[in-house]
């Protein structure tokens, strides 16, 4: 059987001479011959009686573990349902054991079998059982450890990569796998990019990104717990930390797999041209987001009005700001609109917000009494501030009412404006009804005229005039 290092040397020599496709084909052929030799030796070894015995023992132990899991899994599941008051970490651990009970039972059965056979027979007669035991134990450890990864996709990827690597290591196939992955490569100028390099980069970047994500979350939590830092500076610090950590992860990861970063100069130039032409709005929103965080004009929790949108700021993103309204809608407003447009910040310097409502009373009601009752009614509403007293003023004399304005203060505009106005109006209604104050309403008097009445009147007037003229003429009978 050829040595594993010979294909790699052949590949290097061929790459140096410039015949890369031929080198890749030669390496793949050598690896295939090596694997064929291993498969032949394995088949010959399996034809021995003790090898067949070990395989039969492993299959029997697996079926026994499967039967034990089928019996105890439902009972363990029902028992876990009765432990609602236990800590979550303990329940998750037992749930993980419940899901991997078959593999746990197989590991618990096969290792004692290996130890017993080594005591009563030759160690060579337990080689296959030891391989099965090592594989099962390694797979179980990887399955348990990867449960600590919260991201589902990343957890699955790490699990399968770990299982593959452990299997190749136990079967002593790492050199062949490395040589085969190195043979699958392409050349881009002076850059030699193989599948092994890509796999290394993916694994390294994945680990570094996971570490950067953990550090970013820890730093963000520490910043948000610090009450001495304003909310806008907290968001700015979180964004800066994320950019720094993820940028460092990319740089270190690419350097770890020996990627020449000087080739990224052309890419950065192309990105600069793209930013200048096609990504103007994106860059404008990014810069606007940084300006908003620096000048502290808008921060999470502020109540704002922009156009027809009224709500409070939930999050400040790099490109947009999330504004949540009272009806549960979430508007993603570009940061540029908050910089260039007119924004009403109801809680910029303080939380005090003044609201006005208008009403009218009949002319027969005493205005002094109306003002006093209106102020007391406003103070009786829960959200209206008492230390900033409401005021009531006459603003005009209407056709049928005396018009007033009632002004009061609140400190929680995020709780809604329409509902507090409605509560004050309802308190005015109850107070005026109890105080004998009447609300005017328009009244109209309508007269219905008969169309025949004018003709009859004109006829009667003409007859009266003729009779008077006949009486004044002499000789008229």
Protein backbone atom coordinates (compact mmCIF):
# COMPACT_ATOMS: atom_id res chain seq x y z
CA UNK A 1 0.00 0.00 0.00
CA UNK A 2 1.34 3.41 -0.97
CA UNK A 3 2.35 5.80 1.77
CA UNK A 4 -0.21 8.64 2.33
CA UNK A 5 2.45 11.29 1.94
CA UNK A 6 3.35 10.26 -1.61
CA UNK A 7 0.09 11.59 -3.19
CA UNK A 8 0.59 14.93 -1.47
CA UNK A 9 4.19 15.09 -2.76
CA UNK A 10 3.01 14.24 -6.26
CA UNK A 11 0.42 17.01 -6.03
CA UNK A 12 3.02 19.57 -4.96
CA UNK A 13 5.39 18.57 -7.74
CA UNK A 14 2.62 18.73 -10.33
CA UNK A 15 1.40 22.10 -9.14
CA UNK A 16 4.95 23.41 -9.36
CA UNK A 17 5.22 22.19 -12.91
CA UNK A 18 1.82 23.66 -13.81
CA UNK A 19 -0.06 20.40 -14.55
CA UNK A 20 -2.78 20.81 -11.88
CA UNK A 21 -5.62 18.69 -13.45
CA UNK A 22 -3.27 15.77 -14.01
CA UNK A 23 -2.01 16.06 -10.44
CA UNK A 24 -5.54 16.06 -9.05
CA UNK A 25 -6.44 12.99 -11.10
CA UNK A 26 -3.27 11.19 -10.00
CA UNK A 27 -3.90 11.98 -6.34
CA UNK A 28 -7.53 10.86 -6.57
CA UNK A 29 -6.35 7.60 -8.19
CA UNK A 30 -3.79 7.00 -5.46
CA UNK A 31 -6.34 7.68 -2.73
CA UNK A 32 -8.82 5.35 -4.41
CA UNK A 33 -6.20 2.58 -4.57
CA UNK A 34 -5.33 3.15 -0.91
CA UNK A 35 -8.95 2.94 0.13
CA UNK A 36 -9.42 -0.15 -2.02
CA UNK A 37 -6.49 -1.84 -0.28
CA UNK A 38 -7.97 -0.93 3.11
CA UNK A 39 -11.37 -2.23 2.07
CA UNK A 40 -9.81 -5.49 0.87
CA UNK A 41 -7.92 -5.95 4.10
CA UNK A 42 -11.08 -5.16 6.07
CA UNK A 43 -13.08 -7.71 4.08
CA UNK A 44 -10.42 -10.36 4.63
CA UNK A 45 -10.43 -9.54 8.33
CA UNK A 46 -14.20 -9.79 8.53
CA UNK A 47 -14.08 -13.28 7.06
CA UNK A 48 -12.33 -14.50 10.18
CA UNK A 49 -14.59 -16.21 12.73
CA UNK A 50 -13.81 -13.89 15.64
CA UNK A 51 -14.55 -10.82 13.52
CA UNK A 52 -17.96 -12.21 12.69
CA UNK A 53 -18.50 -12.97 16.38
CA UNK A 54 -17.67 -9.38 17.32
CA UNK A 55 -20.05 -7.99 14.70
CA UNK A 56 -22.79 -10.32 15.95
CA UNK A 57 -22.14 -9.25 19.56
CA UNK A 58 -22.30 -5.57 18.56
CA UNK A 59 -25.58 -6.09 16.67
CA UNK A 60 -27.03 -8.00 19.62
CA UNK A 61 -26.04 -5.30 22.08
CA UNK A 62 -27.53 -2.63 19.81
CA UNK A 63 -30.84 -4.52 19.62
CA UNK A 64 -30.82 -4.93 23.40
CA UNK A 65 -30.18 -1.19 23.85
CA UNK A 66 -32.99 -0.43 21.40
CA UNK A 67 -35.38 -2.65 23.37
CA UNK A 68 -34.41 -1.08 26.71
CA UNK A 69 -34.92 2.41 25.24
CA UNK A 70 -38.34 1.43 23.87
CA UNK A 71 -39.38 0.29 27.35
CA UNK A 72 -38.02 3.15 29.44
CA UNK A 73 -38.43 6.16 27.13
CA UNK A 74 -42.26 6.49 27.55
CA UNK A 75 -41.96 6.04 31.32
CA UNK A 76 -39.19 8.64 31.55
CA UNK A 77 -41.26 11.03 29.46
CA UNK A 78 -44.29 10.66 31.72
CA UNK A 79 -42.10 11.07 34.79
CA UNK A 80 -40.61 14.28 33.39
CA UNK A 81 -44.10 15.72 32.84
CA UNK A 82 -44.69 15.53 36.60
CA UNK A 83 -41.54 17.54 37.43
CA UNK A 84 -42.79 21.02 36.50
CA UNK A 85 -41.19 22.73 39.51
CA UNK A 86 -37.67 21.57 38.72
CA UNK A 87 -35.05 24.02 37.37
CA UNK A 88 -34.95 24.35 33.60
CA UNK A 89 -31.36 23.16 33.29
CA UNK A 90 -32.19 19.92 35.04
CA UNK A 91 -35.25 19.32 32.87
CA UNK A 92 -33.23 20.03 29.72
CA UNK A 93 -30.53 17.60 30.81
CA UNK A 94 -33.05 14.84 31.46
CA UNK A 95 -34.80 15.60 28.18
CA UNK A 96 -31.45 15.24 26.38
CA UNK A 97 -30.94 11.87 28.12
CA UNK A 98 -34.45 10.87 27.05
CA UNK A 99 -33.69 11.64 23.40
CA UNK A 100 -30.30 9.84 23.45
CA UNK A 101 -31.33 6.95 25.67
CA UNK A 102 -30.73 4.30 22.98
CA UNK A 103 -27.16 5.45 22.34
CA UNK A 104 -26.51 5.78 26.08
CA UNK A 105 -27.70 2.22 26.66
CA UNK A 106 -25.55 0.93 23.80
CA UNK A 107 -22.44 2.62 25.22
CA UNK A 108 -23.27 1.32 28.69
CA UNK A 109 -23.55 -2.23 27.32
CA UNK A 110 -20.68 -2.44 24.82
CA UNK A 111 -17.87 -1.18 27.06
CA UNK A 112 -18.42 -3.85 29.76
CA UNK A 113 -18.53 -6.42 26.94
CA UNK A 114 -15.15 -5.20 25.65
CA UNK A 115 -13.62 -5.32 29.14
CA UNK A 116 -14.94 -8.81 29.83
CA UNK A 117 -13.71 -10.18 26.50
CA UNK A 118 -10.25 -8.69 27.08
CA UNK A 119 -10.13 -10.52 30.42
CA UNK A 120 -11.06 -13.92 29.00
CA UNK A 121 -9.64 -13.85 25.45
CA UNK A 122 -6.94 -12.27 23.31
CA UNK A 123 -7.05 -8.44 22.89
CA UNK A 124 -7.00 -8.86 19.11
CA UNK A 125 -10.36 -10.58 19.33
CA UNK A 126 -11.94 -7.39 20.71
CA UNK A 127 -10.58 -4.98 18.07
CA UNK A 128 -13.87 -4.43 16.23
CA UNK A 129 -15.85 -4.17 19.45
CA UNK A 130 -13.40 -1.55 20.70
CA UNK A 131 -13.84 0.40 17.46
CA UNK A 132 -17.62 0.26 17.82
CA UNK A 133 -17.36 1.32 21.46
CA UNK A 134 -15.06 4.25 20.63
CA UNK A 135 -17.38 5.42 17.85
CA UNK A 136 -20.49 5.16 20.02
CA UNK A 137 -18.89 6.97 22.95
CA UNK A 138 -17.47 9.73 20.72
CA UNK A 139 -20.81 10.23 18.97
CA UNK A 140 -22.58 10.39 22.33
CA UNK A 141 -20.16 13.00 23.72
CA UNK A 142 -20.49 15.14 20.58
CA UNK A 143 -24.30 14.88 20.70
CA UNK A 144 -24.34 15.98 24.34
CA UNK A 145 -21.83 18.81 23.95
CA UNK A 146 -23.43 20.28 20.84
CA UNK A 147 -26.70 20.73 22.72
CA UNK A 148 -25.04 23.73 24.37
CA UNK A 149 -25.17 25.53 21.00
CA UNK A 150 -28.44 27.48 20.84
CA UNK A 151 -28.50 28.04 17.08
CA UNK A 152 -30.16 25.04 15.43
CA UNK A 153 -28.34 25.19 12.10
CA UNK A 154 -24.94 25.71 13.71
CA UNK A 155 -25.60 22.92 16.21
CA UNK A 156 -26.44 20.46 13.42
CA UNK A 157 -23.43 21.49 11.34
CA UNK A 158 -21.00 21.15 14.25
CA UNK A 159 -22.49 17.80 15.21
CA UNK A 160 -22.13 16.22 11.78
CA UNK A 161 -18.67 17.65 11.21
CA UNK A 162 -17.59 16.33 14.61
CA UNK A 163 -19.05 12.88 13.91
CA UNK A 164 -17.27 12.76 10.54
CA UNK A 165 -13.92 13.83 11.96
CA UNK A 166 -14.13 11.42 14.91
CA UNK A 167 -15.08 8.55 12.62
CA UNK A 168 -12.17 9.22 10.28
CA UNK A 169 -9.79 9.52 13.23
CA UNK A 170 -10.86 6.24 14.82
CA UNK A 171 -10.70 4.42 11.49
CA UNK A 172 -7.27 5.98 10.70
CA UNK A 173 -8.49 7.56 7.48
CA UNK A 174 -7.53 11.17 8.20
CA UNK A 175 -4.47 11.15 5.93
CA UNK A 176 -6.44 9.81 2.98
CA UNK A 177 -9.25 12.31 3.56
CA UNK A 178 -6.77 15.19 3.83
CA UNK A 179 -5.00 14.16 0.64
CA UNK A 180 -8.27 13.78 -1.25
CA UNK A 181 -9.56 17.20 -0.12
CA UNK A 182 -6.25 18.81 -1.04
CA UNK A 183 -6.44 17.30 -4.54
CA UNK A 184 -9.77 19.03 -5.24
CA UNK A 185 -8.56 22.58 -5.85
CA UNK A 186 -8.66 25.51 -8.24
CA UNK A 187 -6.07 28.19 -8.97
CA UNK A 188 -7.08 31.86 -9.16
CA UNK A 189 -3.95 33.71 -10.19
CA UNK A 190 -1.41 33.05 -7.47
CA UNK A 191 -4.07 31.79 -5.07
CA UNK A 192 -4.35 28.01 -4.71
CA UNK A 193 -7.77 27.25 -3.23
CA UNK A 194 -8.46 23.64 -2.25
CA UNK A 195 -11.48 22.03 -0.70
CA UNK A 196 -9.42 21.36 2.43
CA UNK A 197 -8.62 25.08 2.72
CA UNK A 198 -12.28 25.97 2.29
CA UNK A 199 -13.29 23.43 4.93
CA UNK A 200 -10.65 24.78 7.31
CA UNK A 201 -11.84 28.33 6.71
CA UNK A 202 -15.48 27.42 7.33
CA UNK A 203 -14.71 25.59 10.57
CA UNK A 204 -12.31 28.27 11.82
CA UNK A 205 -14.65 31.13 10.94
CA UNK A 206 -17.55 29.27 12.51
CA UNK A 207 -15.69 28.86 15.80
CA UNK A 208 -14.47 32.46 15.77
CA UNK A 209 -17.95 33.77 14.89
CA UNK A 210 -19.47 31.75 17.72
CA UNK A 211 -16.86 33.18 20.10
CA UNK A 212 -17.47 36.71 18.78
CA UNK A 213 -21.23 36.24 19.20
CA UNK A 214 -20.77 35.07 22.79
CA UNK A 215 -18.48 38.00 23.64
CA UNK A 216 -20.84 40.42 21.90
CA UNK A 217 -23.81 39.20 23.93
CA UNK A 218 -21.86 39.38 27.17
CA UNK A 219 -20.62 42.90 26.41
CA UNK A 220 -24.09 44.05 25.37
CA UNK A 221 -25.61 42.73 28.58
CA UNK A 222 -22.94 44.50 30.64
CA UNK A 223 -23.51 47.78 28.80
CA UNK A 224 -27.28 47.61 29.21
CA UNK A 225 -26.95 46.96 32.94
CA UNK A 226 -24.83 50.08 33.37
CA UNK A 227 -27.28 52.83 34.29
CA UNK A 228 -24.60 55.53 34.01
CA UNK A 229 -24.53 55.14 30.22
CA UNK A 230 -27.38 56.70 28.27
CA UNK A 231 -29.56 54.40 26.10
CA UNK A 232 -28.23 55.90 22.85
CA UNK A 233 -24.61 55.42 23.92
CA UNK A 234 -25.44 51.87 24.98
CA UNK A 235 -26.73 51.10 21.48
CA UNK A 236 -23.68 52.79 19.93
CA UNK A 237 -21.34 50.79 22.15
CA UNK A 238 -23.12 47.54 21.27
CA UNK A 239 -22.91 48.25 17.52
CA UNK A 240 -19.24 49.22 17.74
CA UNK A 241 -18.42 46.08 19.73
CA UNK A 242 -20.22 43.87 17.23
CA UNK A 243 -18.40 45.39 14.26
CA UNK A 244 -15.04 45.12 16.03
CA UNK A 245 -15.49 41.51 17.15
CA UNK A 246 -16.91 40.18 13.88
CA UNK A 247 -14.30 42.06 11.85
CA UNK A 248 -11.54 40.61 14.00
CA UNK A 249 -13.06 37.12 13.61
CA UNK A 250 -12.99 37.42 9.81
CA UNK A 251 -9.43 38.76 9.77
CA UNK A 252 -8.03 36.16 12.18
CA UNK A 253 -9.94 33.35 10.50
CA UNK A 254 -8.61 34.15 7.03
CA UNK A 255 -5.06 34.56 8.34
CA UNK A 256 -5.33 31.24 10.18
CA UNK A 257 -5.90 29.37 6.90
CA UNK A 258 -3.10 31.30 5.16
CA UNK A 259 -5.34 33.35 2.85
CA UNK A 260 -3.50 36.27 1.26
CA UNK A 261 -5.43 39.35 2.35
CA UNK A 262 -3.66 41.64 -0.12
CA UNK A 263 -6.02 40.34 -2.78
CA UNK A 264 -8.87 41.98 -0.91
CA UNK A 265 -7.61 45.41 -1.98
CA UNK A 266 -9.26 45.04 -5.38
CA UNK A 267 -12.45 43.85 -3.72
CA UNK A 268 -12.47 46.82 -1.35
CA UNK A 269 -12.04 49.18 -4.31
CA UNK A 270 -14.99 47.60 -6.07
CA UNK A 271 -17.05 47.90 -2.91
CA UNK A 272 -16.11 51.58 -2.68
CA UNK A 273 -17.33 52.20 -6.23
CA UNK A 274 -20.54 50.34 -5.45
CA UNK A 275 -21.08 52.39 -2.34
CA UNK A 276 -20.60 55.57 -4.33
CA UNK A 277 -23.20 54.69 -6.97
CA UNK A 278 -25.64 51.98 -6.00
CA UNK A 279 -25.63 52.06 -2.22
CA UNK A 280 -26.06 55.74 -1.51
CA UNK A 281 -29.27 55.28 0.46
CA UNK A 282 -27.82 52.40 2.45
CA UNK A 283 -24.72 54.38 3.40
CA UNK A 284 -26.86 57.43 4.15
CA UNK A 285 -29.00 55.38 6.54
CA UNK A 286 -25.92 53.90 8.20
CA UNK A 287 -24.33 57.32 8.73
CA UNK A 288 -27.66 58.75 9.90
CA UNK A 289 -27.93 55.94 12.46
CA UNK A 290 -24.51 56.79 13.86
CA UNK A 291 -25.41 60.51 13.99
CA UNK A 292 -28.65 59.74 15.84
CA UNK A 293 -26.74 57.71 18.41
CA UNK A 294 -24.09 60.38 18.87
CA UNK A 295 -26.32 63.47 19.19
CA UNK A 296 -28.84 61.60 21.38
CA UNK A 297 -31.78 63.26 19.63
CA UNK A 298 -33.65 59.97 19.58
CA UNK A 299 -33.12 57.02 21.90
CA UNK A 300 -34.93 53.76 22.67
CA UNK A 301 -38.09 54.36 24.65
CA UNK A 302 -38.78 57.87 23.27
CA UNK A 303 -42.29 58.63 22.07
CA UNK A 304 -42.19 60.26 18.65
CA UNK A 305 -44.51 61.39 15.87
CA UNK A 306 -43.31 61.37 12.28
CA UNK A 307 -45.93 62.06 9.66
CA UNK A 308 -49.03 60.05 10.52
CA UNK A 309 -47.08 57.61 12.68
CA UNK A 310 -47.21 57.95 16.46
CA UNK A 311 -45.47 55.46 18.73
CA UNK A 312 -42.42 54.73 20.82
CA UNK A 313 -38.99 53.65 19.65
CA UNK A 314 -38.34 49.98 20.28
CA UNK A 315 -34.89 49.49 18.73
CA UNK A 316 -32.32 51.56 16.88
CA UNK A 317 -30.84 49.55 14.03
CA UNK A 318 -27.92 50.29 11.74
CA UNK A 319 -30.25 51.01 8.80
CA UNK A 320 -33.66 51.69 10.29
CA UNK A 321 -35.46 52.57 13.51
CA UNK A 322 -38.29 50.40 14.82
CA UNK A 323 -41.33 52.41 15.99
CA UNK A 324 -44.17 50.50 17.67
CA UNK A 325 -47.64 52.10 17.65
CA UNK A 326 -50.48 51.63 20.08
CA UNK A 327 -52.30 49.22 17.74
CA UNK A 328 -49.32 46.85 17.70
CA UNK A 329 -47.95 47.81 14.31
CA UNK A 330 -44.18 48.09 13.97
CA UNK A 331 -42.92 50.67 11.50
CA UNK A 332 -39.35 50.38 10.20
CA UNK A 333 -38.45 53.99 9.48
CA UNK A 334 -35.16 54.65 7.62
CA UNK A 335 -32.68 56.58 9.73
CA UNK A 336 -32.29 59.17 7.00
CA UNK A 337 -35.95 60.23 7.42
CA UNK A 338 -35.33 60.89 11.11
CA UNK A 339 -32.40 63.17 10.27
CA UNK A 340 -33.78 65.09 7.28
CA UNK A 341 -37.50 65.15 8.20
CA UNK A 342 -39.49 66.78 10.95
CA UNK A 343 -39.84 64.56 13.99
CA UNK A 344 -41.87 65.34 17.11
CA UNK A 345 -40.13 63.81 20.13
CA UNK A 346 -42.61 63.85 22.97
CA UNK A 347 -40.00 62.81 25.53
CA UNK A 348 -36.74 64.32 24.30
CA UNK A 349 -35.65 66.38 27.34
CA UNK A 350 -38.31 65.20 29.81
CA UNK A 351 -41.35 62.98 30.01
CA UNK A 352 -43.92 65.76 30.59
CA UNK A 353 -46.56 65.98 27.85
CA UNK A 354 -49.39 68.54 27.85
CA UNK A 355 -52.72 67.65 26.28
CA UNK A 356 -55.61 69.99 25.37
CA UNK A 357 -59.30 69.23 25.07
CA UNK A 358 -62.10 71.62 24.05
CA UNK A 359 -65.70 71.74 25.27
CA UNK A 360 -68.58 74.19 25.59
CA UNK A 361 -71.36 74.93 28.10
CA UNK A 362 -74.66 76.77 27.92
CA UNK A 363 -74.78 80.51 28.50
CA UNK A 364 -76.86 79.98 31.60
CA UNK A 365 -74.00 78.18 33.41
CA UNK A 366 -71.66 80.14 35.66
CA UNK A 367 -68.19 80.15 33.94
CA UNK A 368 -66.35 80.36 37.28
CA UNK A 369 -68.13 77.25 38.48
CA UNK A 370 -67.51 75.51 35.14
CA UNK A 371 -63.77 76.13 35.32
CA UNK A 372 -63.50 74.84 38.90
CA UNK A 373 -65.51 71.70 38.14
CA UNK A 374 -63.47 71.01 34.98
CA UNK A 375 -60.15 71.26 36.86
CA UNK A 376 -61.35 68.95 39.64
CA UNK A 377 -62.65 66.47 37.09
CA UNK A 378 -59.29 66.38 35.26
CA UNK A 379 -57.39 65.85 38.53
CA UNK A 380 -59.56 62.84 39.33
CA UNK A 381 -58.24 60.89 36.33
CA UNK A 382 -55.40 58.50 37.22
CA UNK A 383 -52.74 59.41 34.66
CA UNK A 384 -53.21 63.19 34.98
CA UNK A 385 -50.47 64.81 37.04
CA UNK A 386 -51.53 66.55 40.24
CA UNK A 387 -48.31 68.45 40.94
CA UNK A 388 -48.66 70.15 37.53
CA UNK A 389 -52.20 71.37 38.00
CA UNK A 390 -54.64 71.36 35.08
CA UNK A 391 -55.91 74.75 33.89
CA UNK A 392 -59.15 75.78 32.20
CA UNK A 393 -59.69 78.97 30.18
CA UNK A 394 -62.49 80.56 28.17
CA UNK A 395 -61.46 80.77 24.53
CA UNK A 396 -64.57 82.33 22.97
CA UNK A 397 -68.32 82.90 22.88
CA UNK A 398 -70.00 80.77 20.26
CA UNK A 399 -73.45 80.92 18.72
CA UNK A 400 -75.00 78.76 21.40
CA UNK A 401 -72.20 78.02 23.92
CA UNK A 402 -69.34 79.42 25.93
CA UNK A 403 -66.18 77.68 24.63
CA UNK A 404 -63.44 76.45 26.99
CA UNK A 405 -60.03 74.74 26.75
CA UNK A 406 -58.82 72.33 29.42
CA UNK A 407 -55.09 71.63 29.63
CA UNK A 408 -53.49 68.87 31.72
CA UNK A 409 -50.14 67.02 31.93
CA UNK A 410 -49.10 63.37 31.75
CA UNK A 411 -45.73 61.58 31.89
CA UNK A 412 -46.50 58.37 29.98
CA UNK A 413 -47.40 59.20 26.37
CA UNK A 414 -46.52 55.63 25.40
CA UNK A 415 -49.65 54.60 27.31
CA UNK A 416 -51.79 56.36 24.68
CA UNK A 417 -53.24 59.80 24.13
CA UNK A 418 -56.72 59.03 22.86
CA UNK A 419 -57.62 56.94 25.88
CA UNK A 420 -56.55 59.61 28.39
CA UNK A 421 -58.51 62.26 26.51
CA UNK A 422 -61.54 59.99 26.55
CA UNK A 423 -61.21 59.44 30.29
CA UNK A 424 -61.05 63.20 30.93
CA UNK A 425 -64.10 63.80 28.73
CA UNK A 426 -65.98 61.12 30.67
CA UNK A 427 -64.96 62.71 33.98
CA UNK A 428 -66.24 66.10 32.69
CA UNK A 429 -69.55 64.54 31.72
CA UNK A 430 -70.04 63.01 35.18
CA UNK A 431 -68.92 66.17 37.00
CA UNK A 432 -71.12 68.53 34.93
CA UNK A 433 -74.10 66.25 35.31
CA UNK A 434 -73.61 66.23 39.10
CA UNK A 435 -73.05 70.00 39.21
CA UNK A 436 -76.06 70.95 37.09
CA UNK A 437 -73.97 72.25 34.15
CA UNK A 438 -75.72 71.75 30.83
CA UNK A 439 -74.14 71.17 27.44
CA UNK A 440 -75.73 73.25 24.65
CA UNK A 441 -76.79 71.76 21.39
CA UNK A 442 -77.97 73.51 18.20
CA UNK A 443 -81.73 74.27 17.90
CA UNK A 444 -83.52 75.35 14.72
CA UNK A 445 -87.09 76.66 14.24
CA UNK A 446 -88.69 75.61 10.97
CA UNK A 447 -91.91 77.28 9.55
CA UNK A 448 -93.88 75.60 6.82
CA UNK A 449 -95.61 78.12 4.48
CA UNK A 450 -98.70 77.27 2.38
CA UNK A 451 -98.34 78.12 -1.35
CA UNK A 452 -102.06 79.16 -1.79
CA UNK A 453 -102.06 81.70 1.05
CA UNK A 454 -100.52 84.62 -0.93
CA UNK A 455 -103.12 84.35 -3.81
CA UNK A 456 -106.10 84.37 -1.46
CA UNK A 457 -104.71 87.40 0.35
CA UNK A 458 -104.27 89.35 -2.90
CA UNK A 459 -107.89 88.51 -3.98
CA UNK A 460 -109.33 89.69 -0.67
CA UNK A 461 -107.40 92.96 -0.86
CA UNK A 462 -108.67 93.71 -4.42
CA UNK A 463 -112.29 93.04 -3.45
CA UNK A 464 -112.01 95.41 -0.50
CA UNK A 465 -110.59 98.17 -2.69
CA UNK A 466 -113.41 97.84 -5.27
CA UNK A 467 -116.11 98.05 -2.62
CA UNK A 468 -114.55 101.18 -1.18
CA UNK A 469 -114.40 102.75 -4.63
CA UNK A 470 -118.08 101.95 -5.30
CA UNK A 471 -119.22 103.59 -2.10
CA UNK A 472 -117.40 106.83 -2.91
CA UNK A 473 -118.88 107.23 -6.42
CA UNK A 474 -122.28 109.03 -6.58
CA UNK A 475 -125.15 107.25 -8.22
CA UNK A 476 -123.83 103.85 -7.41
CA UNK A 477 -126.59 101.69 -6.05
